[in-house]
Amino acid sequence: MLDRWLETASAVFGVFLVMGMGGLARHLRWFSKEVDRSLASFTSYVLMPCLFFDRIIHDPSLSAHIDAWYPAVLGFLCTIIGVASAWGAAKGLGRYFGLHNDSQERTFGLSVGIHNYGYIALPLAEIVYPACVVSLMIHNVGVDMALWSVGLYTISGKGVRKSWKRIVFSPPLLAVLLAVLIKQFGWVDWVPGPIEHATGKLGQCSVPIGLVLSGAILYDYFGKQPWPQALRILSLAVPLRMLILPCSILALAAWGTSSEALKQVLLIQAAMPAATFPIVMTRLYEQDVPTAWVVVVGTSLLSLITIPMWMILGDLLLF
């Protein structure tokens, strides 16, 4: 068990070390704020779709049946449960934990409700459970759909009618659809070599660049929230994000699927801290960025301890 702990802790620390390099680059002014939006767009619209396309068409175990999309259904469901639970807690209990207005409540709901499903989960999966990486990518399509519907409504008040085009024409979703169709109809050998090479190389850049960008954004808001206020917010955020929601996801893994790869995906998601992207959405829709920063940084730092704990516990319970 100690070997397992050390392996997982080493993988987690390595991921956060890459994020730390992003913060260092910002501190040294090698990485300016002006490039954040364009780099985030390039990562979301080009690099991540290339990664999804490349992995799916080359995965030998991808099912050719409708159950291939079940991970996306569970990703969508887990995200809705997370955001609804966090926003409900903020509405009902937030005034006792330093959340005094609607902006803070909405920010808390999105930040606590969305787990880190990409930039930490993907590299961790590649190290610990490499066989589940494709299932994780399809799962993440469902999380993206929930993020741009329920998540968007939570942070801005705009529902699916305002965001359906963003969902339907999402490059990650289109990349997954195209790759699955190519895989199911046996057209993989017809994909031109230069396209395979380009998508493979671009896909390899996606996670490192995303981690560096996340670290730089987190650095920008360091110290913007007084620590007494931050600790009050975390006293509500941590039990939700790090205990209650992981238990619900593990329950779904135990009783919602018999697939070992999908159980591994859900275990990784249960162990994750809050996602970093809600900070970007919070800034975009002019909500309370310091609250999002506190949730992301606080749960991320704590996850250096809790991720190995949840991974080991999940292994014992699920496999």
Protein backbone atom coordinates (compact mmCIF):
# COMPACT_ATOMS: atom_id res chain seq x y z
CA MET A 1 0.00 0.00 0.00
CA LEU A 2 2.89 2.35 0.73
CA ASP A 3 4.20 1.83 -2.83
CA ARG A 4 0.76 2.70 -4.20
CA TRP A 5 0.62 5.84 -2.06
CA LEU A 6 4.05 6.98 -3.19
CA GLU A 7 3.27 6.31 -6.87
CA THR A 8 0.03 8.30 -6.73
CA ALA A 9 1.50 11.11 -4.62
CA SER A 10 4.44 11.41 -7.02
CA ALA A 11 2.09 11.67 -10.02
CA VAL A 12 -0.04 14.31 -8.29
CA PHE A 13 2.97 16.35 -7.22
CA GLY A 14 4.37 16.24 -10.76
CA VAL A 15 1.13 17.67 -12.15
CA PHE A 16 1.12 20.52 -9.63
CA LEU A 17 4.79 21.17 -10.32
CA VAL A 18 3.90 21.94 -13.95
CA MET A 19 1.21 24.34 -12.71
CA GLY A 20 3.80 25.91 -10.43
CA MET A 21 5.98 26.60 -13.44
CA GLY A 22 3.09 28.58 -14.92
CA GLY A 23 2.89 30.67 -11.76
CA LEU A 24 6.66 31.19 -11.79
CA ALA A 25 6.56 32.24 -15.44
CA ARG A 26 3.88 34.80 -14.59
CA HIS A 27 5.88 36.08 -11.63
CA LEU A 28 8.96 36.53 -13.82
CA ARG A 29 6.80 38.15 -16.54
CA TRP A 30 7.69 35.53 -19.13
CA PHE A 31 3.99 34.79 -19.50
CA SER A 32 1.81 37.90 -19.82
CA LYS A 33 -1.89 38.20 -19.02
CA GLU A 34 -2.60 39.37 -22.56
CA VAL A 35 -2.05 35.89 -23.97
CA ASP A 36 -4.40 34.12 -21.51
CA ARG A 37 -7.58 34.33 -23.54
CA SER A 38 -5.98 33.39 -26.86
CA LEU A 39 -4.02 30.52 -25.34
CA ALA A 40 -7.09 29.23 -23.49
CA SER A 41 -9.07 29.34 -26.74
CA PHE A 42 -6.30 27.57 -28.68
CA THR A 43 -6.09 24.87 -26.02
CA SER A 44 -9.87 24.36 -25.90
CA TYR A 45 -10.56 24.61 -29.64
CA VAL A 46 -7.47 22.94 -31.13
CA LEU A 47 -5.18 21.11 -28.73
CA MET A 48 -7.73 19.21 -26.63
CA PRO A 49 -9.84 18.14 -29.66
CA CYS A 50 -6.65 16.86 -31.31
CA LEU A 51 -5.85 14.86 -28.18
CA PHE A 52 -9.35 13.36 -28.09
CA PHE A 53 -9.31 12.51 -31.81
CA ASP A 54 -5.87 10.91 -31.71
CA ARG A 55 -6.52 8.79 -28.61
CA ILE A 56 -9.93 7.55 -29.71
CA ILE A 57 -9.03 6.44 -33.23
CA HIS A 58 -6.01 4.55 -31.91
CA ASP A 59 -7.71 2.93 -28.93
CA PRO A 60 -8.21 -0.82 -29.57
CA SER A 61 -10.81 -1.30 -26.85
CA LEU A 62 -13.37 1.38 -27.81
CA SER A 63 -16.81 -0.18 -28.12
CA ALA A 64 -18.69 0.09 -31.39
CA HIS A 65 -22.04 0.22 -29.59
CA ILE A 66 -24.10 2.90 -27.92
CA ASP A 67 -22.64 2.00 -24.52
CA ALA A 68 -19.49 3.80 -25.68
CA TRP A 69 -21.34 7.01 -24.74
CA TYR A 70 -22.30 5.90 -21.24
CA PRO A 71 -19.22 7.64 -19.71
CA ALA A 72 -20.50 10.94 -21.13
CA VAL A 73 -23.90 10.36 -19.53
CA LEU A 74 -22.29 9.76 -16.16
CA GLY A 75 -20.04 12.80 -16.60
CA PHE A 76 -23.08 14.96 -17.30
CA LEU A 77 -24.97 13.51 -14.32
CA CYS A 78 -22.08 13.88 -11.85
CA THR A 79 -21.56 17.50 -12.88
CA ILE A 80 -25.23 18.41 -12.47
CA ILE A 81 -25.30 16.77 -9.03
CA GLY A 82 -22.12 18.62 -8.04
CA VAL A 83 -23.21 22.08 -9.17
CA ALA A 84 -26.76 21.72 -7.81
CA SER A 85 -25.46 20.50 -4.44
CA ALA A 86 -22.87 23.28 -4.13
CA TRP A 87 -25.21 26.07 -5.22
CA GLY A 88 -27.93 24.74 -2.91
CA ALA A 89 -25.49 24.69 0.00
CA ALA A 90 -24.39 28.24 -0.81
CA LYS A 91 -28.00 29.44 -0.91
CA GLY A 92 -28.98 27.69 2.31
CA LEU A 93 -25.84 27.98 4.43
CA GLY A 94 -23.62 30.49 2.67
CA ARG A 95 -24.36 33.42 4.97
CA TYR A 96 -22.78 31.46 7.83
CA PHE A 97 -19.60 30.85 5.81
CA GLY A 98 -18.81 34.27 4.38
CA LEU A 99 -21.01 34.17 1.24
CA HIS A 100 -23.08 37.34 1.54
CA ASN A 101 -24.50 37.98 -1.93
CA ASP A 102 -25.82 36.28 -5.03
CA SER A 103 -22.54 36.70 -6.92
CA GLN A 104 -20.59 34.85 -4.25
CA GLU A 105 -23.22 32.11 -4.08
CA ARG A 106 -23.20 31.57 -7.84
CA THR A 107 -19.40 31.52 -7.92
CA PHE A 108 -19.28 29.04 -5.05
CA GLY A 109 -21.84 26.78 -6.77
CA LEU A 110 -19.86 26.58 -9.99
CA SER A 111 -16.40 26.40 -8.43
CA VAL A 112 -17.19 23.69 -5.88
CA GLY A 113 -19.52 21.78 -8.19
CA ILE A 114 -17.09 21.25 -11.09
CA HIS A 115 -14.29 18.80 -10.39
CA ASN A 116 -10.96 19.05 -12.21
CA TYR A 117 -11.84 16.74 -15.07
CA GLY A 118 -9.05 17.58 -17.51
CA TYR A 119 -5.74 19.13 -16.62
CA ILE A 120 -5.09 17.06 -13.48
CA ALA A 121 -7.27 14.04 -14.21
CA LEU A 122 -5.83 13.26 -17.65
CA PRO A 123 -2.13 13.14 -16.74
CA LEU A 124 -2.96 11.23 -13.55
CA ALA A 125 -4.99 8.68 -15.52
CA GLU A 126 -2.15 8.19 -17.99
CA ILE A 127 0.16 7.27 -15.11
CA VAL A 128 -2.13 5.29 -12.80
CA TYR A 129 -4.85 3.81 -15.06
CA PRO A 130 -3.74 4.17 -18.71
CA ALA A 131 -6.44 1.79 -19.94
CA CYS A 132 -9.20 4.23 -18.89
CA VAL A 133 -7.92 7.32 -20.72
CA VAL A 134 -10.32 7.08 -23.68
CA SER A 135 -13.30 6.48 -21.38
CA LEU A 136 -12.17 9.54 -19.42
CA MET A 137 -12.14 11.66 -22.56
CA ILE A 138 -15.68 10.61 -23.48
CA HIS A 139 -16.74 11.21 -19.87
CA ASN A 140 -15.32 14.72 -20.18
CA VAL A 141 -17.58 15.47 -23.14
CA GLY A 142 -20.54 15.01 -20.80
CA VAL A 143 -18.91 17.28 -18.22
CA ASP A 144 -18.38 19.94 -20.90
CA MET A 145 -22.04 19.76 -21.91
CA ALA A 146 -23.10 20.20 -18.28
CA LEU A 147 -20.58 23.02 -17.80
CA TRP A 148 -21.94 25.03 -20.73
CA SER A 149 -25.60 24.46 -19.77
CA VAL A 150 -26.13 24.05 -16.03
CA GLY A 151 -22.77 25.65 -15.22
CA LEU A 152 -23.38 28.61 -17.50
CA TYR A 153 -26.82 29.19 -16.00
CA THR A 154 -25.35 29.03 -12.50
CA ILE A 155 -22.64 31.62 -13.09
CA SER A 156 -24.54 33.95 -15.43
CA GLY A 157 -28.27 33.23 -15.31
CA LYS A 158 -28.19 32.22 -18.99
CA GLY A 159 -29.59 28.77 -19.70
CA VAL A 160 -29.39 26.22 -22.50
CA ARG A 161 -31.14 28.49 -25.01
CA LYS A 162 -28.21 30.90 -24.76
CA SER A 163 -25.53 28.23 -24.96
CA TRP A 164 -26.87 25.44 -27.20
CA LYS A 165 -24.69 26.47 -30.13
CA ARG A 166 -21.61 26.40 -27.92
CA ILE A 167 -22.58 22.86 -26.80
CA VAL A 168 -23.51 21.43 -30.21
CA PHE A 169 -20.56 22.97 -32.05
CA SER A 170 -18.04 22.43 -29.26
CA PRO A 171 -14.74 21.37 -30.89
CA PRO A 172 -14.07 18.67 -28.25
CA LEU A 173 -17.54 17.20 -28.84
CA LEU A 174 -17.15 17.35 -32.63
CA ALA A 175 -13.71 15.72 -32.38
CA VAL A 176 -15.10 12.87 -30.28
CA LEU A 177 -18.08 12.37 -32.62
CA LEU A 178 -15.84 12.29 -35.69
CA ALA A 179 -13.31 9.94 -34.09
CA VAL A 180 -15.99 7.53 -32.86
CA LEU A 181 -17.64 7.44 -36.30
CA ILE A 182 -14.30 6.76 -37.98
CA LYS A 183 -13.61 4.03 -35.44
CA GLN A 184 -17.01 2.38 -35.71
CA PHE A 185 -17.10 2.29 -39.51
CA GLY A 186 -13.54 0.99 -39.80
CA TRP A 187 -12.18 4.06 -41.57
CA VAL A 188 -9.08 4.49 -39.40
CA ASP A 189 -6.77 3.28 -42.17
CA TRP A 190 -8.23 5.95 -44.46
CA VAL A 191 -7.18 8.84 -42.21
CA PRO A 192 -4.28 10.57 -44.01
CA GLY A 193 -0.89 10.13 -42.35
CA PRO A 194 -0.18 13.87 -42.06
CA ILE A 195 -3.48 14.37 -40.18
CA GLU A 196 -2.66 11.53 -37.79
CA HIS A 197 0.80 12.98 -37.21
CA ALA A 198 -0.45 16.54 -36.70
CA THR A 199 -3.28 15.62 -34.32
CA GLY A 200 -0.92 13.39 -32.35
CA LYS A 201 1.71 16.10 -31.91
CA LEU A 202 -0.81 18.85 -31.13
CA GLY A 203 -2.64 16.59 -28.68
CA GLN A 204 0.58 15.98 -26.76
CA CYS A 205 0.81 19.74 -26.10
CA SER A 206 -2.69 20.11 -24.68
CA VAL A 207 -2.31 19.02 -21.06
CA PRO A 208 1.08 20.71 -20.36
CA ILE A 209 -0.05 24.01 -21.84
CA GLY A 210 -3.36 23.83 -19.98
CA LEU A 211 -1.56 23.20 -16.70
CA VAL A 212 0.86 26.08 -17.25
CA LEU A 213 -2.01 28.44 -18.10
CA SER A 214 -3.95 27.35 -15.01
CA GLY A 215 -0.93 27.98 -12.80
CA ALA A 216 -0.49 31.47 -14.23
CA ILE A 217 -4.15 32.39 -13.66
CA LEU A 218 -4.05 31.09 -10.10
CA TYR A 219 -0.96 33.21 -9.44
CA ASP A 220 -2.80 36.35 -10.57
CA TYR A 221 -5.29 36.16 -7.72
CA PHE A 222 -2.95 35.14 -4.93
CA GLY A 223 -3.67 37.17 -1.80
CA LYS A 224 -6.82 38.86 -3.17
CA GLN A 225 -8.99 37.29 -0.43
CA PRO A 226 -8.21 37.89 3.30
CA TRP A 227 -7.28 34.59 4.96
CA PRO A 228 -9.98 34.71 7.68
CA GLN A 229 -12.62 35.09 4.97
CA ALA A 230 -10.94 32.42 2.85
CA LEU A 231 -10.96 29.92 5.72
CA ARG A 232 -14.67 30.49 6.29
CA ILE A 233 -15.43 29.74 2.66
CA LEU A 234 -13.18 26.67 2.69
CA SER A 235 -14.89 25.33 5.80
CA LEU A 236 -17.96 24.82 3.61
CA ALA A 237 -16.21 24.06 0.32
CA VAL A 238 -13.85 21.35 1.56
CA PRO A 239 -16.47 19.00 3.09
CA LEU A 240 -18.57 19.29 -0.07
CA ARG A 241 -15.85 18.98 -2.71
CA MET A 242 -13.49 16.64 -0.88
CA LEU A 243 -15.87 14.36 1.06
CA ILE A 244 -19.60 14.45 0.22
CA LEU A 245 -19.36 14.67 -3.58
CA PRO A 246 -16.58 12.04 -3.81
CA CYS A 247 -18.76 9.63 -1.82
CA SER A 248 -21.65 10.16 -4.24
CA ILE A 249 -19.39 9.55 -7.25
CA LEU A 250 -17.93 6.39 -5.70
CA ALA A 251 -21.46 5.15 -5.01
CA LEU A 252 -22.25 5.68 -8.69
CA ALA A 253 -19.08 3.79 -9.62
CA ALA A 254 -20.05 0.89 -7.37
CA TRP A 255 -23.64 0.53 -8.53
CA GLY A 256 -23.86 2.40 -11.83
CA THR A 257 -21.46 0.41 -14.01
CA SER A 258 -19.73 -2.95 -14.27
CA SER A 259 -16.96 -1.62 -16.54
CA GLU A 260 -13.58 -1.59 -14.81
CA ALA A 261 -12.33 1.27 -17.01
CA LEU A 262 -15.36 3.40 -16.17
CA LYS A 263 -15.00 2.63 -12.46
CA GLN A 264 -11.41 3.86 -12.76
CA VAL A 265 -12.63 7.06 -14.45
CA LEU A 266 -15.15 7.74 -11.69
CA LEU A 267 -12.57 6.98 -9.01
CA ILE A 268 -10.20 9.54 -10.51
CA GLN A 269 -13.01 12.10 -10.74
CA ALA A 270 -14.04 11.48 -7.14
CA ALA A 271 -10.49 12.23 -6.01
CA MET A 272 -10.20 15.50 -7.92
CA PRO A 273 -10.15 19.01 -6.41
CA ALA A 274 -12.13 21.89 -7.89
CA ALA A 275 -11.49 22.67 -11.55
CA THR A 276 -9.49 25.76 -12.52
CA PHE A 277 -11.59 26.77 -15.54
CA PRO A 278 -14.46 28.21 -13.43
CA ILE A 279 -12.03 31.01 -12.51
CA VAL A 280 -11.97 31.97 -16.19
CA MET A 281 -15.79 31.78 -16.44
CA THR A 282 -16.19 33.77 -13.24
CA ARG A 283 -13.96 36.51 -14.60
CA LEU A 284 -15.77 36.44 -17.96
CA TYR A 285 -19.24 36.87 -16.39
CA GLU A 286 -18.05 39.40 -13.78
CA GLN A 287 -18.84 37.37 -10.69
CA ASP A 288 -16.75 36.97 -7.52
CA VAL A 289 -13.30 35.83 -8.70
CA PRO A 290 -11.68 35.82 -5.21
CA THR A 291 -14.24 33.24 -4.05
CA ALA A 292 -13.43 31.02 -7.02
CA TRP A 293 -9.72 31.44 -6.34
CA VAL A 294 -10.09 30.39 -2.70
CA VAL A 295 -12.03 27.27 -3.64
CA VAL A 296 -9.61 26.23 -6.39
CA VAL A 297 -6.39 26.90 -4.50
CA GLY A 298 -7.64 25.53 -1.18
CA THR A 299 -8.95 22.25 -2.59
CA SER A 300 -5.96 21.87 -4.94
CA LEU A 301 -3.44 22.17 -2.12
CA LEU A 302 -5.42 19.77 0.05
CA SER A 303 -5.69 17.32 -2.84
CA LEU A 304 -1.95 16.65 -2.60
CA ILE A 305 -2.96 14.60 0.45
CA THR A 306 -6.52 13.55 -0.41
CA ILE A 307 -5.98 12.28 -3.97
CA PRO A 308 -3.70 9.41 -2.88
CA MET A 309 -6.10 8.66 0.00
CA TRP A 310 -9.16 8.46 -2.26
CA MET A 311 -7.28 6.44 -4.89
CA ILE A 312 -6.20 3.82 -2.36
CA LEU A 313 -9.63 3.70 -0.68
CA GLY A 314 -11.37 3.47 -4.05
CA ASP A 315 -9.10 0.62 -5.11
CA LEU A 316 -10.10 -1.30 -1.98
CA LEU A 317 -13.83 -0.62 -2.43
CA LEU A 318 -14.28 -0.98 -6.19
CA PHE A 319 -11.78 -3.58 -7.42
